[in-house]
N, C-alpha and C. Protein backbone atom coordinates (compact mmCIF):
# COMPACT_ATOMS: atom_id res chain seq x y z
N MET A 1 -6.52 6.25 23.60
CA MET A 1 -5.33 6.66 21.99
C MET A 1 -4.76 5.35 21.30
N GLN A 2 -5.28 4.35 21.67
CA GLN A 2 -5.23 3.24 21.08
C GLN A 2 -5.29 2.46 20.53
N ARG A 3 -6.91 3.51 20.29
CA ARG A 3 -7.50 3.09 18.27
C ARG A 3 -7.15 3.73 17.89
N MET A 4 -6.96 5.63 18.05
CA MET A 4 -6.61 6.74 17.35
C MET A 4 -4.61 5.92 16.39
N THR A 5 -4.42 5.28 17.51
CA THR A 5 -3.11 4.80 17.10
C THR A 5 -2.94 3.74 16.04
N GLY A 6 -4.18 2.86 16.41
CA GLY A 6 -4.08 1.99 15.52
C GLY A 6 -4.54 2.63 14.10
N LEU A 7 -5.41 3.22 13.79
CA LEU A 7 -5.88 3.97 12.68
C LEU A 7 -4.66 4.77 12.24
N LEU A 8 -3.28 5.39 12.85
CA LEU A 8 -2.64 5.87 12.04
C LEU A 8 -1.51 4.92 11.87
N ILE A 9 -1.35 3.48 12.17
CA ILE A 9 -1.09 2.22 11.30
C ILE A 9 -1.55 2.01 10.36
N GLY A 10 -2.90 1.99 10.66
CA GLY A 10 -3.69 1.29 9.19
C GLY A 10 -3.44 2.39 7.95
N ALA A 11 -3.51 3.47 8.16
CA ALA A 11 -3.34 4.57 7.52
C ALA A 11 -2.18 4.78 6.64
N VAL A 12 -0.63 4.23 7.16
CA VAL A 12 0.39 4.16 6.61
C VAL A 12 0.47 2.87 5.83
N PHE A 13 -0.03 2.30 6.09
CA PHE A 13 -0.54 0.91 5.26
C PHE A 13 -0.64 1.07 4.55
N GLY A 14 -2.01 1.66 3.88
CA GLY A 14 -3.12 2.18 3.44
C GLY A 14 -2.16 3.08 2.50
N ALA A 15 -1.81 4.05 2.40
CA ALA A 15 -0.50 4.68 2.04
C ALA A 15 0.57 3.80 1.06
N VAL A 16 1.49 3.30 2.04
CA VAL A 16 1.84 1.87 1.34
C VAL A 16 1.32 1.48 0.07
N PHE A 17 0.24 1.00 0.34
CA PHE A 17 -0.46 -0.39 -0.88
C PHE A 17 -0.28 0.81 -1.61
N VAL A 18 -0.67 1.82 -1.76
CA VAL A 18 -0.90 2.97 -2.64
C VAL A 18 0.56 3.09 -3.27
N PHE A 19 1.50 3.79 -2.80
CA PHE A 19 2.99 3.93 -3.28
C PHE A 19 3.38 3.17 -4.06
N ALA A 20 3.32 2.14 -3.28
CA ALA A 20 4.12 0.63 -3.90
C ALA A 20 3.58 0.48 -5.51
N ASN A 21 2.06 0.30 -5.34
CA ASN A 21 1.75 0.20 -6.53
C ASN A 21 0.83 0.81 -7.66
N SER A 22 1.09 2.38 -7.63
CA SER A 22 0.69 2.91 -8.31
C SER A 22 1.65 3.25 -9.54
N HIS A 23 1.44 2.07 -10.83
CA HIS A 23 2.69 2.25 -11.48
C HIS A 23 2.60 1.96 -12.82
N PRO A 24 2.49 1.44 -14.02
CA PRO A 24 1.35 0.84 -14.77
C PRO A 24 1.65 -0.06 -14.88
N PRO A 25 0.31 -0.95 -15.56
CA PRO A 25 -0.62 -0.13 -16.58
C PRO A 25 -1.07 1.22 -16.29
N LEU A 26 -1.48 1.71 -15.22
CA LEU A 26 -1.62 2.76 -15.00
C LEU A 26 -0.59 4.06 -15.68
N GLY A 27 -1.51 4.76 -15.72
CA GLY A 27 -0.68 6.43 -16.53
C GLY A 27 -0.59 6.68 -15.29
N HIS A 28 0.98 7.46 -15.96
CA HIS A 28 1.67 8.12 -15.19
C HIS A 28 1.05 9.29 -14.09
N ALA A 29 -0.12 10.13 -15.04
CA ALA A 29 -1.34 11.63 -13.87
C ALA A 29 -1.74 10.81 -13.22
N LEU A 30 -2.61 9.77 -13.41
CA LEU A 30 -3.28 8.80 -12.65
C LEU A 30 -2.17 8.50 -11.84
N ALA A 31 -1.48 7.83 -11.81
CA ALA A 31 -0.31 7.19 -10.68
C ALA A 31 0.03 8.96 -9.80
N LEU A 32 0.11 9.90 -10.32
CA LEU A 32 0.76 11.18 -9.42
C LEU A 32 -0.69 11.48 -8.49
N VAL A 33 -1.45 11.28 -8.84
CA VAL A 33 -2.80 12.14 -8.30
C VAL A 33 -3.07 10.75 -7.62
N LEU A 34 -3.55 9.62 -7.18
CA LEU A 34 -3.21 8.24 -6.39
C LEU A 34 -2.00 8.59 -5.05
N ARG A 35 -1.26 9.07 -5.90
CA ARG A 35 -0.23 9.25 -4.65
C ARG A 35 -0.28 10.14 -3.79
N ILE A 36 -0.79 11.07 -4.44
CA ILE A 36 -0.91 12.40 -3.83
C ILE A 36 -2.32 12.72 -2.97
N ALA A 37 -3.06 11.94 -3.21
CA ALA A 37 -4.70 11.99 -2.75
C ALA A 37 -3.93 10.91 -1.67
N ALA A 38 -3.36 9.65 -1.62
CA ALA A 38 -2.81 8.75 -1.03
C ALA A 38 -2.01 10.09 0.56
N ALA A 39 -1.18 10.48 0.41
CA ALA A 39 -0.36 11.68 1.18
C ALA A 39 -1.36 12.16 1.99
N VAL A 40 -2.19 13.14 0.83
CA VAL A 40 -3.05 14.14 1.53
C VAL A 40 -3.54 13.19 3.22
N ALA A 41 -4.39 12.02 2.49
CA ALA A 41 -5.29 11.55 3.37
C ALA A 41 -4.46 10.59 4.25
N LEU A 42 -3.33 10.13 4.50
CA LEU A 42 -2.04 10.05 5.61
C LEU A 42 -2.41 11.20 6.20
N ALA A 43 -2.13 12.22 5.44
CA ALA A 43 -1.49 13.63 6.30
C ALA A 43 -2.86 14.04 7.18
N GLY A 44 -3.69 13.64 6.87
CA GLY A 44 -5.08 13.79 7.52
C GLY A 44 -5.25 13.13 8.76
N VAL A 45 -5.46 11.82 8.92
CA VAL A 45 -4.93 10.93 9.70
C VAL A 45 -4.26 11.51 10.63
N VAL A 46 -2.27 11.52 9.98
CA VAL A 46 -2.20 12.13 11.39
C VAL A 46 -2.31 13.08 11.77
N ALA A 47 -3.09 14.01 11.28
CA ALA A 47 -3.31 15.82 12.09
C ALA A 47 -4.39 15.17 13.20
N MET A 48 -5.69 14.51 12.86
CA MET A 48 -6.18 13.98 13.81
C MET A 48 -5.77 13.44 14.80
N TRP A 49 -4.34 12.67 14.85
CA TRP A 49 -3.93 11.57 15.38
C TRP A 49 -3.10 13.32 16.72
N PHE A 50 -2.89 13.96 16.49
CA PHE A 50 -2.20 15.08 17.26
C PHE A 50 -3.26 15.17 17.99
N LEU A 51 -4.62 16.27 17.06
CA LEU A 51 -5.89 16.33 17.43
C LEU A 51 -6.25 16.33 18.80
N ALA A 52 -6.23 14.16 18.59
CA ALA A 52 -6.96 13.54 19.50
C ALA A 52 -5.78 13.60 20.93
N VAL A 53 -4.99 13.29 20.68
CA VAL A 53 -3.56 13.10 21.51
C VAL A 53 -3.72 14.70 22.47
N GLY A 54 -3.68 16.01 22.06
CA GLY A 54 -3.76 17.30 22.78
C GLY A 54 -4.68 17.38 23.01
N ARG A 55 -6.70 16.93 22.61
CA ARG A 55 -7.59 16.95 23.51
C ARG A 55 -7.60 15.58 24.45
N ALA A 56 -6.89 14.76 24.18
CA ALA A 56 -6.91 13.70 25.53
C ALA A 56 -5.87 14.25 26.68
N ARG A 57 -5.30 15.12 26.41
CA ARG A 57 -4.18 15.36 27.29
C ARG A 57 -4.99 16.54 28.49
N SER A 58 -5.52 17.41 27.60
CA SER A 58 -6.11 18.58 27.90
C SER A 58 -7.47 18.55 29.01
N THR A 59 -8.08 17.69 28.29
CA THR A 59 -10.02 17.20 28.91
C THR A 59 -9.89 16.23 29.51
N GLY A 60 -8.36 14.99 28.85
CA GLY A 60 -9.03 13.22 29.60
C GLY A 60 -9.95 12.76 28.54
N ALA A 61 -10.34 13.29 27.57
CA ALA A 61 -11.66 12.11 26.53
C ALA A 61 -10.94 11.68 25.51
N GLU A 62 -10.55 10.74 26.20
CA GLU A 62 -10.61 9.67 24.80
C GLU A 62 -11.41 10.03 23.77
N PRO A 63 -10.50 9.20 22.15
CA PRO A 63 -11.71 9.43 21.23
C PRO A 63 -12.79 8.16 21.54
N GLY A 64 -13.38 8.22 20.92
CA GLY A 64 -14.87 7.17 20.54
C GLY A 64 -14.25 6.72 19.37
N ILE A 65 -14.04 5.33 18.95
CA ILE A 65 -14.49 4.53 17.78
C ILE A 65 -14.26 3.23 17.47
N GLY A 66 -15.37 3.21 17.30
CA GLY A 66 -15.57 1.51 16.81
C GLY A 66 -16.70 1.51 17.61
N GLY A 67 -16.99 -0.29 17.68
CA GLY A 67 -18.63 -0.83 18.46
C GLY A 67 -18.29 -1.16 19.59
N GLY A 68 -16.99 -0.96 20.39
CA GLY A 68 -17.77 -1.36 21.78
C GLY A 68 -16.41 -1.83 22.65
N GLY A 69 -15.36 -1.59 21.99
CA GLY A 69 -13.75 -2.49 22.36
C GLY A 69 -13.30 -1.38 23.35
N GLU A 70 -14.17 -0.74 23.86
CA GLU A 70 -13.51 -0.05 25.18
C GLU A 70 -12.36 -0.94 25.94
N SER A 71 -13.42 -2.37 26.42
CA SER A 71 -12.57 -2.37 27.49
C SER A 71 -12.04 -3.46 27.25
N GLY A 72 -10.40 -3.29 27.66
CA GLY A 72 -9.61 -4.12 27.09
C GLY A 72 -8.51 -4.01 26.25
N LYS A 73 -7.57 -3.98 26.07
CA LYS A 73 -6.68 -3.23 25.66
C LYS A 73 -6.41 -3.72 24.29
N MET A 74 -6.22 -2.68 23.11
CA MET A 74 -6.32 -2.97 21.62
C MET A 74 -4.99 -4.56 21.58
N PHE A 75 -3.68 -4.09 22.01
CA PHE A 75 -2.41 -4.72 21.38
C PHE A 75 -2.32 -5.58 22.49
N GLY A 76 -3.08 -6.22 22.97
CA GLY A 76 -2.96 -7.60 23.89
C GLY A 76 -2.78 -9.02 23.24
N LEU A 77 -3.41 -9.95 24.36
CA LEU A 77 -2.57 -11.16 23.51
C LEU A 77 -3.25 -11.70 22.26
N GLY A 78 -4.46 -11.64 22.14
CA GLY A 78 -5.12 -11.81 21.08
C GLY A 78 -4.91 -11.29 19.62
N PHE A 79 -4.22 -9.75 19.84
CA PHE A 79 -3.54 -9.15 18.82
C PHE A 79 -2.56 -9.78 18.65
N ALA A 80 -1.93 -9.91 19.37
CA ALA A 80 -0.17 -10.57 19.13
C ALA A 80 0.31 -11.35 18.10
N VAL A 81 -1.33 -12.16 18.66
CA VAL A 81 -1.34 -13.73 18.21
C VAL A 81 -1.96 -13.69 16.97
N VAL A 82 -3.02 -12.93 16.67
CA VAL A 82 -3.47 -12.94 15.13
C VAL A 82 -2.30 -11.74 13.97
N VAL A 83 -1.36 -11.36 15.22
CA VAL A 83 -0.34 -10.64 14.22
C VAL A 83 0.73 -11.85 13.87
N VAL A 84 0.87 -12.84 14.62
CA VAL A 84 1.86 -13.57 14.59
C VAL A 84 1.91 -14.89 13.69
N ILE A 85 0.20 -14.83 13.46
CA ILE A 85 -0.59 -16.00 12.58
C ILE A 85 -0.24 -15.00 10.88
N GLU A 86 -0.50 -13.44 11.03
CA GLU A 86 -0.73 -13.24 10.04
C GLU A 86 0.72 -12.91 9.31
N ALA A 87 1.99 -12.59 10.00
CA ALA A 87 3.59 -12.99 9.76
C ALA A 87 4.03 -14.00 8.79
N VAL A 88 3.50 -15.51 9.39
CA VAL A 88 4.09 -16.28 8.92
C VAL A 88 2.70 -17.20 7.63
N ALA A 89 1.74 -16.03 7.78
CA ALA A 89 0.89 -16.44 6.37
C ALA A 89 1.25 -15.31 5.72
N LEU A 90 1.86 -14.21 5.88
CA LEU A 90 2.29 -13.59 4.68
C LEU A 90 3.74 -14.53 4.23
N PHE A 91 4.81 -14.72 4.86
CA PHE A 91 5.93 -14.77 3.76
C PHE A 91 5.90 -16.13 3.85
N GLY A 92 5.46 -17.04 4.39
CA GLY A 92 4.73 -18.75 4.22
C GLY A 92 4.48 -18.55 2.67
N GLY A 93 2.75 -18.17 2.72
CA GLY A 93 2.23 -17.72 1.60
C GLY A 93 3.20 -17.24 0.15
N ILE A 94 4.45 -16.30 0.77
CA ILE A 94 4.69 -15.96 -0.76
C ILE A 94 5.87 -16.40 -1.13
N ALA A 95 6.43 -17.69 0.27
CA ALA A 95 7.24 -18.35 -0.68
C ALA A 95 6.64 -19.44 -1.51
N VAL A 96 5.37 -19.61 -0.81
CA VAL A 96 4.85 -20.63 -1.58
C VAL A 96 4.70 -20.61 -3.26
N LEU A 97 4.12 -19.42 -3.31
CA LEU A 97 3.30 -18.89 -4.27
C LEU A 97 5.10 -18.69 -5.42
N ARG A 98 6.00 -18.26 -4.58
CA ARG A 98 7.19 -18.24 -5.69
C ARG A 98 7.59 -19.66 -6.35
N VAL A 99 7.50 -20.92 -5.20
CA VAL A 99 7.81 -22.43 -5.73
C VAL A 99 6.58 -22.59 -6.51
N LEU A 100 5.83 -21.93 -6.45
CA LEU A 100 4.71 -21.87 -7.61
C LEU A 100 5.31 -21.79 -8.68
N ASP A 101 5.95 -20.84 -8.54
CA ASP A 101 6.31 -20.03 -10.21
C ASP A 101 4.83 -18.62 -10.42
N ARG A 102 4.12 -18.70 -9.65
CA ARG A 102 3.06 -17.35 -9.56
C ARG A 102 3.64 -16.47 -9.88
N PRO A 103 3.16 -15.60 -11.11
CA PRO A 103 3.40 -14.46 -11.33
C PRO A 103 3.89 -13.32 -10.43
N GLU A 104 4.47 -12.26 -10.04
CA GLU A 104 5.22 -11.56 -9.12
C GLU A 104 3.92 -10.59 -8.55
N GLU A 105 2.84 -10.62 -9.71
CA GLU A 105 1.64 -9.71 -8.85
C GLU A 105 0.72 -10.67 -7.70
N SER A 106 1.11 -11.60 -7.69
CA SER A 106 0.66 -12.81 -7.16
C SER A 106 0.85 -12.10 -5.77
N ASN A 107 2.31 -11.71 -5.17
CA ASN A 107 2.49 -11.28 -4.15
C ASN A 107 1.44 -10.24 -3.44
N VAL A 108 1.11 -8.96 -4.34
CA VAL A 108 0.60 -7.71 -3.86
C VAL A 108 -1.11 -8.74 -3.46
N ALA A 109 -1.78 -9.44 -4.26
CA ALA A 109 -2.73 -10.01 -3.82
C ALA A 109 -3.31 -10.82 -3.01
N TRP A 110 -2.08 -11.92 -2.33
CA TRP A 110 -1.48 -12.64 -1.23
C TRP A 110 -1.91 -11.55 0.01
N ILE A 111 -0.63 -10.48 -0.27
CA ILE A 111 -0.87 -9.68 0.92
C ILE A 111 -2.32 -9.24 1.55
N ALA A 112 -3.02 -8.41 0.21
CA ALA A 112 -4.44 -7.81 1.07
C ALA A 112 -4.95 -9.11 1.40
N LEU A 113 -5.26 -10.08 0.88
CA LEU A 113 -5.82 -11.09 1.05
C LEU A 113 -5.41 -11.50 2.59
N VAL A 114 -4.41 -11.69 3.18
CA VAL A 114 -3.99 -12.06 4.34
C VAL A 114 -3.92 -10.67 5.30
N VAL A 115 -3.75 -9.87 4.76
CA VAL A 115 -3.80 -8.45 6.05
C VAL A 115 -5.41 -8.67 5.64
N GLY A 116 -6.40 -8.60 4.91
CA GLY A 116 -7.78 -8.78 4.63
C GLY A 116 -8.66 -9.95 6.04
N VAL A 117 -8.02 -10.95 6.17
CA VAL A 117 -8.47 -11.64 7.18
C VAL A 117 -8.13 -11.72 8.82
N HIS A 118 -7.20 -11.05 8.76
CA HIS A 118 -6.55 -9.79 9.26
C HIS A 118 -7.38 -9.39 10.37
N PHE A 119 -7.95 -8.47 9.76
CA PHE A 119 -8.80 -7.38 10.65
C PHE A 119 -9.89 -8.27 10.38
N VAL A 120 -10.44 -9.50 9.66
CA VAL A 120 -11.47 -10.29 10.22
C VAL A 120 -11.46 -10.50 11.67
N ALA A 121 -10.46 -10.90 11.63
CA ALA A 121 -9.84 -11.72 13.27
C ALA A 121 -9.80 -10.97 14.11
N LEU A 122 -9.81 -9.45 13.90
CA LEU A 122 -9.44 -8.74 14.67
C LEU A 122 -10.67 -8.00 15.00
N GLY A 123 -11.84 -8.27 14.68
CA GLY A 123 -13.19 -6.96 15.03
C GLY A 123 -14.03 -8.46 16.34
N PRO A 124 -13.56 -9.53 16.59
CA PRO A 124 -14.34 -10.32 17.50
C PRO A 124 -13.36 -9.62 18.68
N ILE A 125 -12.26 -9.88 18.77
CA ILE A 125 -11.30 -9.56 19.55
C ILE A 125 -10.85 -8.51 20.94
N TRP A 126 -11.08 -7.03 19.30
CA TRP A 126 -11.21 -5.79 19.73
C TRP A 126 -13.00 -5.83 19.98
N ARG A 127 -13.82 -6.51 19.75
CA ARG A 127 -15.14 -6.08 20.03
C ARG A 127 -15.55 -5.34 19.45
N ASP A 128 -15.33 -4.72 18.05
CA ASP A 128 -15.67 -4.08 17.04
C ASP A 128 -15.49 -4.61 15.93
N ARG A 129 -17.03 -4.47 15.29
CA ARG A 129 -17.66 -4.69 13.83
C ARG A 129 -16.70 -4.46 13.36
N THR A 130 -16.67 -2.68 13.04
CA THR A 130 -16.45 -1.79 12.16
C THR A 130 -15.39 -2.27 11.87
N ILE A 131 -14.78 -2.63 12.18
CA ILE A 131 -12.87 -2.95 11.75
C ILE A 131 -13.00 -4.40 10.62
N MET A 132 -13.87 -4.92 10.96
CA MET A 132 -14.33 -6.56 9.58
C MET A 132 -14.79 -5.61 8.10
N VAL A 133 -15.49 -4.61 8.53
CA VAL A 133 -15.78 -3.95 7.11
C VAL A 133 -14.56 -3.50 5.79
N PRO A 134 -13.54 -2.83 6.34
CA PRO A 134 -12.25 -2.66 5.36
C PRO A 134 -11.76 -4.46 5.17
N GLY A 135 -11.56 -5.41 6.02
CA GLY A 135 -11.32 -6.29 6.08
C GLY A 135 -11.65 -8.37 4.96
N VAL A 136 -13.32 -7.25 5.23
CA VAL A 136 -13.59 -8.30 4.08
C VAL A 136 -13.64 -7.61 2.85
N VAL A 137 -13.25 -6.22 2.40
CA VAL A 137 -12.98 -5.75 1.67
C VAL A 137 -11.54 -6.23 0.32
N LEU A 138 -10.61 -6.06 1.57
CA LEU A 138 -9.22 -6.11 1.25
C LEU A 138 -9.76 -7.80 0.99
N THR A 139 -9.81 -8.51 1.82
CA THR A 139 -10.57 -9.99 1.74
C THR A 139 -10.63 -10.60 -0.19
N VAL A 140 -11.72 -9.93 -0.19
CA VAL A 140 -12.14 -9.68 -1.92
C VAL A 140 -11.33 -9.03 -2.86
N LEU A 141 -10.77 -7.93 -2.45
CA LEU A 141 -9.73 -8.00 -3.47
C LEU A 141 -8.87 -8.71 -3.47
N GLY A 142 -8.55 -9.36 -2.44
CA GLY A 142 -6.91 -10.25 -2.78
C GLY A 142 -7.63 -11.17 -3.50
N VAL A 143 -8.94 -12.14 -2.89
CA VAL A 143 -8.96 -13.16 -3.94
C VAL A 143 -9.17 -12.78 -5.13
N ALA A 144 -9.87 -11.56 -5.33
CA ALA A 144 -9.70 -11.04 -6.80
C ALA A 144 -8.95 -10.98 -7.38
N GLY A 145 -7.53 -10.71 -7.33
CA GLY A 145 -6.01 -10.30 -7.68
C GLY A 145 -5.77 -11.99 -7.71
N LEU A 146 -5.79 -12.56 -7.18
CA LEU A 146 -4.81 -13.90 -7.26
C LEU A 146 -6.09 -14.53 -8.32
N VAL A 147 -7.12 -14.40 -8.40
CA VAL A 147 -8.04 -15.32 -9.62
C VAL A 147 -7.21 -14.33 -10.87
N MET A 148 -7.14 -13.32 -11.03
CA MET A 148 -7.28 -12.11 -12.42
C MET A 148 -5.19 -12.74 -12.22
N THR A 149 -4.48 -13.09 -11.22
CA THR A 149 -3.27 -13.62 -11.66
C THR A 149 -2.84 -14.95 -12.85
N ALA A 150 -4.24 -15.82 -13.06
CA ALA A 150 -4.27 -16.62 -14.16
C ALA A 150 -5.01 -16.31 -15.30
N THR A 151 -5.18 -14.77 -15.38
CA THR A 151 -5.73 -14.41 -17.36
C THR A 151 -4.94 -13.55 -17.51
N SER A 152 -5.31 -12.95 -18.34
CA SER A 152 -4.69 -12.08 -19.17
C SER A 152 -4.24 -10.30 -19.10
N ALA A 153 -5.32 -10.10 -17.77
CA ALA A 153 -5.53 -9.46 -16.61
C ALA A 153 -4.33 -9.11 -15.68
N VAL A 154 -3.37 -9.72 -15.40
CA VAL A 154 -2.53 -10.11 -14.74
C VAL A 154 -2.29 -8.85 -14.81
N ALA A 155 -1.57 -7.82 -14.94
CA ALA A 155 -0.98 -6.36 -15.37
C ALA A 155 -1.47 -5.89 -14.00
N TRP A 156 -3.27 -5.81 -14.26
CA TRP A 156 -3.98 -4.77 -13.62
C TRP A 156 -3.88 -5.45 -11.87
N VAL A 157 -3.31 -6.58 -11.30
CA VAL A 157 -3.77 -7.13 -9.69
C VAL A 157 -2.76 -6.25 -8.60
N PRO A 158 -2.19 -5.24 -9.56
CA PRO A 158 -1.56 -4.33 -8.73
C PRO A 158 -2.32 -2.98 -8.21
N LEU A 159 -3.60 -3.09 -9.08
CA LEU A 159 -4.59 -2.00 -8.84
C LEU A 159 -5.50 -2.31 -7.96
N VAL A 160 -6.19 -3.61 -8.56
CA VAL A 160 -7.33 -4.15 -8.25
C VAL A 160 -6.65 -4.83 -5.90
N SER A 161 -5.90 -5.10 -6.55
CA SER A 161 -4.95 -5.97 -4.94
C SER A 161 -4.48 -4.60 -4.29
N GLY A 162 -3.82 -4.20 -5.05
CA GLY A 162 -2.72 -2.68 -4.47
C GLY A 162 -3.28 -1.85 -3.99
N VAL A 163 -4.16 -0.73 -4.94
CA VAL A 163 -4.33 0.48 -4.87
C VAL A 163 -5.82 0.61 -4.18
N LEU A 164 -6.32 -0.60 -4.72
CA LEU A 164 -7.60 -0.70 -3.84
C LEU A 164 -7.73 -0.67 -2.63
N SER A 165 -7.31 -1.41 -2.26
CA SER A 165 -6.64 -1.68 -0.97
C SER A 165 -6.28 -0.49 -0.17
N GLY A 166 -5.05 0.02 -0.56
CA GLY A 166 -4.96 1.20 -0.18
C GLY A 166 -5.86 2.40 0.06
N VAL A 167 -6.59 2.09 -0.77
CA VAL A 167 -7.71 3.37 -0.57
C VAL A 167 -8.70 2.96 0.21
N THR A 168 -8.51 1.49 0.59
CA THR A 168 -10.31 1.37 1.10
C THR A 168 -9.29 1.12 2.74
N LEU A 169 -8.32 0.60 3.02
CA LEU A 169 -7.78 1.27 4.37
C LEU A 169 -7.54 2.84 4.31
N LEU A 170 -6.65 3.66 4.15
CA LEU A 170 -7.00 5.44 4.08
C LEU A 170 -8.53 5.99 4.48
N ALA A 171 -9.33 5.20 3.40
CA ALA A 171 -11.42 5.73 3.79
C ALA A 171 -11.68 5.43 5.07
N GLY A 172 -11.20 4.18 5.19
CA GLY A 172 -11.94 3.62 6.78
C GLY A 172 -10.56 4.29 7.76
N CYS A 173 -9.55 4.43 7.71
CA CYS A 173 -9.06 5.09 8.81
C CYS A 173 -9.28 6.52 8.58
N LEU A 174 -9.70 7.42 7.73
CA LEU A 174 -10.46 8.90 8.15
C LEU A 174 -11.38 8.60 8.06
N ALA A 175 -12.65 7.96 7.90
CA ALA A 175 -13.44 8.33 8.47
C ALA A 175 -13.62 7.50 9.91
N ALA A 176 -12.91 6.78 10.50
CA ALA A 176 -12.78 6.41 12.09
C ALA A 176 -12.13 7.34 13.41
N ALA A 177 -11.23 7.91 11.90
CA ALA A 177 -10.25 8.63 13.44
C ALA A 177 -11.59 10.06 13.53
N ARG A 178 -11.82 10.68 12.35
CA ARG A 178 -13.26 11.59 12.40
C ARG A 178 -14.22 11.48 13.30
N ARG A 179 -14.42 10.07 13.26
CA ARG A 179 -16.24 9.77 14.37
C ARG A 179 -15.27 9.79 15.94
N GLY A 180 -14.12 9.71 15.40
CA GLY A 180 -13.34 9.36 17.32
C GLY A 180 -13.24 11.01 17.10
N LEU A 181 -12.83 11.77 16.75
CA LEU A 181 -12.32 13.00 16.76
C LEU A 181 -13.98 13.42 17.34
N ALA A 182 -15.13 13.58 16.33
CA ALA A 182 -16.21 14.26 16.98
C ALA A 182 -16.81 13.53 18.15
N ALA A 183 -16.81 12.64 18.70
CA ALA A 183 -17.04 11.62 20.22
C ALA A 183 -16.45 12.26 20.77
N GLN A 184 -14.75 12.98 20.76
CA GLN A 184 -13.64 13.30 21.81
C GLN A 184 -14.69 14.96 22.49
N ARG A 185 -15.20 15.23 21.02
CA ARG A 185 -15.49 16.94 21.87
C ARG A 185 -16.86 16.91 21.95
N SER A 186 -17.56 15.07 21.88
CA SER A 186 -19.30 15.75 22.55
C SER A 186 -19.32 15.84 23.60
N PRO A 187 -20.32 16.21 24.35
CA PRO A 187 -20.11 16.10 26.20
C PRO A 187 -20.73 14.89 26.31
N VAL A 188 -21.62 13.57 25.53
CA VAL A 188 -22.00 13.09 25.37
C VAL A 188 -21.23 11.38 25.96
N SER A 189 -19.35 11.40 25.02
CA SER A 189 -18.75 10.60 25.42
C SER A 189 -18.40 10.55 26.67
N GLY A 190 -18.71 11.35 28.00
CA GLY A 190 -18.30 11.55 29.05
C GLY A 190 -17.11 11.58 29.37
N GLY A 191 -16.17 12.24 28.84
CA GLY A 191 -15.22 12.08 29.35
C GLY A 191 -14.21 11.26 29.23
N ARG A 192 -13.39 10.40 30.59
CA ARG A 192 -12.26 10.00 30.19
C ARG A 192 -13.40 8.06 29.77
N ARG A 193 -12.18 7.36 29.61
CA ARG A 193 -13.29 6.20 29.34
C ARG A 193 -11.99 4.85 29.30
């Protein structure tokens, strides 16, 4: 259930990315559609989490998610080290951006970059390469946003680094949760893991 809980956490952060960054210059109607879609996607992940918990309790079958991180805990020492480094990088980087008098939009780009790198770093720790895909996408979106802050397109950074990062997280979490439920149902999953 640790993997499904990880997906739930990722989906919450994805929804936050979308909710916090769906604002002008996006039109009101598009921002509303994006927020509704994010809420529906989050609700889908929450529903799959509850389904997986119910199945795990009744059958003992854990959801099969990812590329082989079954051995060991997801939230062990390696995870803790990455999260501490991530927190220092997030808050330290935002403080540096403020000192450098960078536009406020730089913050969301920096957050996307750091969160993306954190997923890339967790791939080997969790022995799961699939987590690295959204990590690379978020990293690229963060770098693109930081570059955009030095251009006349600075107002679009929240869309590029914020909304698109949120959509990436939500889509990845939905797909992985669905695969996990399918593997949990499958007789090949072998019951307990």
